Protein backbone atom coordinates (compact mmCIF):
# COMPACT_ATOMS: atom_id res chain seq x y z
CA MET A 1 7.03 -12.95 -11.00
CA ALA A 2 5.07 -13.08 -14.28
CA ARG A 3 1.46 -11.58 -13.39
CA ASP A 4 -1.76 -11.13 -15.48
CA TYR A 5 -1.29 -7.53 -16.18
CA GLY A 6 -4.82 -7.32 -18.01
CA LEU A 7 -6.67 -9.21 -15.13
CA ILE A 8 -5.13 -6.68 -12.77
CA GLU A 9 -6.43 -3.85 -15.10
CA SER A 10 -9.93 -5.12 -15.41
CA MET A 11 -10.44 -5.41 -11.65
CA TRP A 12 -9.54 -2.00 -11.34
CA PHE A 13 -11.84 -0.56 -14.10
CA SER A 14 -14.45 -2.90 -13.10
CA ALA A 15 -14.13 -2.15 -9.19
CA ASN A 16 -16.59 -0.24 -6.98
CA ILE A 17 -16.30 0.91 -3.48
CA LEU A 18 -18.69 -0.64 -1.21
CA ASP A 19 -21.23 2.02 0.11
CA GLU A 20 -20.43 1.15 3.86
CA LYS A 21 -16.69 1.74 2.91
CA LYS A 22 -16.84 4.81 1.01
CA ALA A 23 -16.49 6.99 4.12
CA MET A 24 -13.39 5.28 5.36
CA ALA A 25 -12.02 5.57 1.60
CA HIS A 26 -12.75 9.12 1.37
CA THR A 27 -11.30 9.89 4.81
CA ALA A 28 -7.85 8.11 3.98
CA ALA A 29 -7.68 9.96 0.59
CA ALA A 30 -8.24 13.12 2.15
CA PHE A 31 -5.42 12.34 4.84
CA ILE A 32 -2.87 11.39 1.96
CA LEU A 33 -3.81 14.50 -0.03
CA THR A 34 -3.10 16.76 3.11
CA ASN A 35 0.26 14.89 3.75
CA LYS A 36 1.03 14.85 0.12
CA SER A 37 4.42 16.59 0.67
CA ILE A 38 5.76 14.33 3.07
CA TYR A 39 4.62 10.93 0.87
CA ALA A 40 6.41 12.88 -2.24
CA GLN A 41 9.63 13.20 -0.13
CA VAL A 42 9.62 9.40 0.18
CA GLY A 43 8.25 8.67 -3.32
CA ASP A 44 10.13 11.28 -5.18
CA ALA A 45 13.50 9.58 -4.19
CA PHE A 46 12.39 6.23 -5.95
CA GLY A 47 10.17 7.59 -8.78
CA VAL A 48 6.83 6.14 -6.74
CA PRO A 49 3.90 8.32 -6.85
CA PHE A 50 2.96 9.94 -3.55
CA TYR A 51 -0.30 8.07 -3.56
CA VAL A 52 1.17 4.71 -3.47
CA ILE A 53 3.33 5.55 -0.42
CA GLY A 54 0.03 6.86 1.26
CA ALA A 55 -1.96 4.03 0.72
CA ILE A 56 0.59 1.63 2.17
CA HIS A 57 0.90 3.91 5.10
CA PHE A 58 -2.65 3.48 5.84
CA ARG A 59 -2.46 -0.41 5.54
CA GLU A 60 0.68 -0.89 7.32
CA SER A 61 -0.04 1.45 10.05
CA SER A 62 -3.18 3.37 9.99
CA PHE A 63 -1.03 6.43 9.04
CA ASP A 64 0.88 6.37 12.37
CA PHE A 65 4.06 8.66 11.69
CA LYS A 66 5.64 6.86 14.80
CA THR A 67 5.87 3.42 13.11
CA HIS A 68 7.89 2.06 10.40
CA LEU A 69 6.64 1.88 6.88
CA ALA A 70 7.85 -1.55 6.28
CA ASN A 71 5.45 -3.03 8.57
CA GLY A 72 3.88 -0.70 11.21
CA ASP A 73 6.50 -1.80 14.12
CA PRO A 74 7.32 1.28 16.31
CA LEU A 75 10.14 3.68 15.16
CA PHE A 76 11.02 4.29 18.76
CA ASN A 77 10.96 2.59 22.26
CA SER A 78 9.51 4.13 25.39
CA ASP A 79 12.38 6.20 25.96
CA GLY A 80 12.29 7.93 22.42
CA LYS A 81 15.47 5.90 21.04
CA PRO A 82 15.14 4.82 17.63
CA ILE A 83 14.60 0.89 17.14
CA PRO A 84 14.94 -1.74 14.09
CA THR A 85 11.98 -3.63 13.00
CA SER A 86 11.13 -6.60 14.92
CA HIS A 87 8.77 -8.37 12.46
CA VAL A 88 8.97 -9.25 8.68
CA PRO A 89 11.06 -7.69 7.56
CA ARG A 90 13.06 -8.03 10.63
CA GLY A 91 15.99 -5.74 11.48
CA LEU A 92 15.33 -2.95 9.43
CA GLY A 93 16.83 0.58 11.00
CA PRO A 94 16.77 2.00 13.27
CA PHE A 95 15.79 5.22 11.71
CA ASP A 96 15.47 8.60 13.23
CA SER A 97 12.36 9.67 11.42
CA TRP A 98 9.47 8.24 9.40
CA VAL A 99 10.98 9.67 6.26
CA ALA A 100 13.85 7.94 6.80
CA GLY A 101 12.40 4.89 7.73
CA ALA A 102 10.13 5.04 4.71
CA ILE A 103 13.08 5.29 2.37
CA GLY A 104 14.71 2.57 4.02
CA ALA A 105 11.85 0.40 3.47
CA LEU A 106 11.68 1.37 -0.43
CA LYS A 107 15.32 0.40 -0.25
CA HIS A 108 14.92 -2.97 1.17
CA MET A 109 12.29 -3.45 -1.57
CA SER A 110 14.77 -2.54 -4.27
CA TRP A 111 12.00 0.13 -5.50
CA GLY A 112 13.47 2.45 -8.34
CA SER A 113 14.80 2.13 -11.80
CA GLY A 114 12.63 -0.41 -13.48
CA TRP A 115 9.66 -0.31 -11.78
CA HIS A 116 6.57 0.61 -13.64
CA TRP A 117 3.68 3.17 -11.88
CA ASP A 118 0.83 2.77 -14.02
CA ILE A 119 -2.21 1.71 -12.15
CA ALA A 120 -2.16 -1.96 -12.69
CA ASN A 121 1.67 -2.20 -11.87
CA ALA A 122 1.38 0.16 -9.04
CA LEU A 123 -1.65 -2.39 -7.64
CA GLU A 124 0.78 -4.97 -8.30
CA ASN A 125 3.47 -3.58 -6.68
CA MET A 126 1.69 -2.61 -3.73
CA GLU A 127 0.59 -6.60 -3.30
CA ILE A 128 4.19 -7.42 -3.60
CA TYR A 129 5.16 -4.93 -1.05
CA ASN A 130 2.81 -6.92 1.37
CA GLY A 131 3.69 -10.23 0.23
CA LEU A 132 2.03 -12.83 -2.44
CA GLY A 133 0.20 -14.99 -0.08
CA TYR A 134 -2.86 -14.29 -1.42
CA TYR A 135 -1.94 -14.56 -5.12
CA HIS A 136 -0.55 -18.03 -4.31
CA MET A 137 -3.89 -19.16 -2.95
CA GLY A 138 -5.66 -17.71 -6.14
CA VAL A 139 -7.73 -14.86 -4.04
CA PRO A 140 -8.09 -11.24 -4.36
CA SER A 141 -5.52 -9.46 -1.70
CA PRO A 142 -7.61 -7.53 0.94
CA TYR A 143 -4.46 -5.56 1.01
CA ILE A 144 -5.50 -4.46 -2.60
CA TRP A 145 -9.28 -4.91 -2.91
CA ALA A 146 -10.71 -4.69 0.60
CA GLY A 147 -13.58 -2.22 0.74
CA THR A 148 -14.65 -2.95 -3.12
CA ASP A 149 -16.88 -5.41 -4.75
CA GLN A 150 -13.40 -7.34 -6.03
CA TYR A 151 -13.11 -8.85 -2.43
CA VAL A 152 -14.41 -11.98 -1.67
CA GLY A 153 -13.00 -12.61 1.91
CA GLY A 154 -10.44 -14.45 3.34
CA LEU A 155 -7.56 -12.87 5.61
CA TYR A 156 -4.11 -13.64 7.10
CA VAL A 157 -4.90 -13.38 10.61
CA ALA A 158 -1.27 -13.52 11.62
CA ASP A 159 1.77 -14.15 9.64
CA GLY A 160 1.28 -17.59 7.90
CA GLN A 161 -1.95 -18.28 9.36
CA TYR A 162 -4.60 -17.84 6.60
CA ASP A 163 -8.18 -17.82 7.75
CA PRO A 164 -10.85 -17.96 4.64
CA ASN A 165 -13.78 -17.43 6.82
CA ALA A 166 -12.18 -13.87 8.15
CA PHE A 167 -12.96 -10.63 6.40
CA ASP A 168 -10.71 -7.28 6.38
CA ASP A 169 -12.96 -4.70 7.53
CA ARG A 170 -10.26 -1.88 6.43
CA VAL A 171 -10.53 -0.42 2.93
CA GLY A 172 -7.51 -1.65 0.66
CA CYS A 173 -5.26 0.27 -1.66
CA ALA A 174 -7.41 0.05 -4.47
CA ALA A 175 -10.51 1.49 -2.52
CA ILE A 176 -7.94 4.32 -1.59
CA LEU A 177 -6.87 5.05 -4.85
CA LEU A 178 -10.23 5.07 -6.30
CA SER A 179 -11.20 7.68 -3.75
CA ILE A 180 -8.44 9.83 -4.51
CA LYS A 181 -9.18 9.67 -8.40
CA SER A 182 -12.82 10.85 -7.59
CA LEU A 183 -11.16 14.01 -5.99
CA GLY A 184 -9.84 14.87 -9.23
CA VAL A 185 -6.17 13.45 -8.69
CA ASP A 186 -4.59 11.81 -11.68
CA VAL A 187 -3.69 8.06 -10.76
CA ASN A 188 -2.24 7.00 -14.11
CA ASP A 189 -5.03 4.69 -15.26
CA GLN A 190 -5.06 6.14 -18.84
CA GLY A 191 -2.26 5.81 -21.33
CA GLN A 192 1.16 4.44 -21.33
CA PRO A 193 2.90 2.88 -18.30
CA LEU A 194 5.08 5.11 -16.30
CA VAL A 195 8.72 3.81 -15.77
CA SER A 196 10.26 5.33 -12.66
CA ALA A 197 13.19 7.57 -12.90
């Protein structure tokens, strides 16, 4: 799908984390950096930056390693047996570990060769990962922009159920990446677009 790369890039360079969300964004960024080796184990298989995997993990399941990266469904039943996803995308798995499930999620998305991971494309790819409902409505996605001054409100409160008056209280991927950048990590927002290997 053709998107306005320049608009996404402009929003990134204009974005500021809201004061009341800075602590949440910093905590998320610190968690991702602490667990970089796990996220890199998944991302390196597809040429995806570790911080993209980490930001998705926060948004899908608040960093719960007992859930599917695909959608936050439990990886295991109450007996500890691996189970497939029950929500969209339904039927992925079962997987015997978080890493295996995360790799399965990226395979489902067909991430790999040909995907670009400069900052604007990374933000777009993460929005595609979550779904393009907000894009089709012409509003900034909270999955990406919540916790920044680029998010104006509106939220899917359930699958297919959009509430223009609801507000996402968590931080989105952009706020997390801005916080990661502030900690000295290169999030590839300068220079040429990266193409995954």
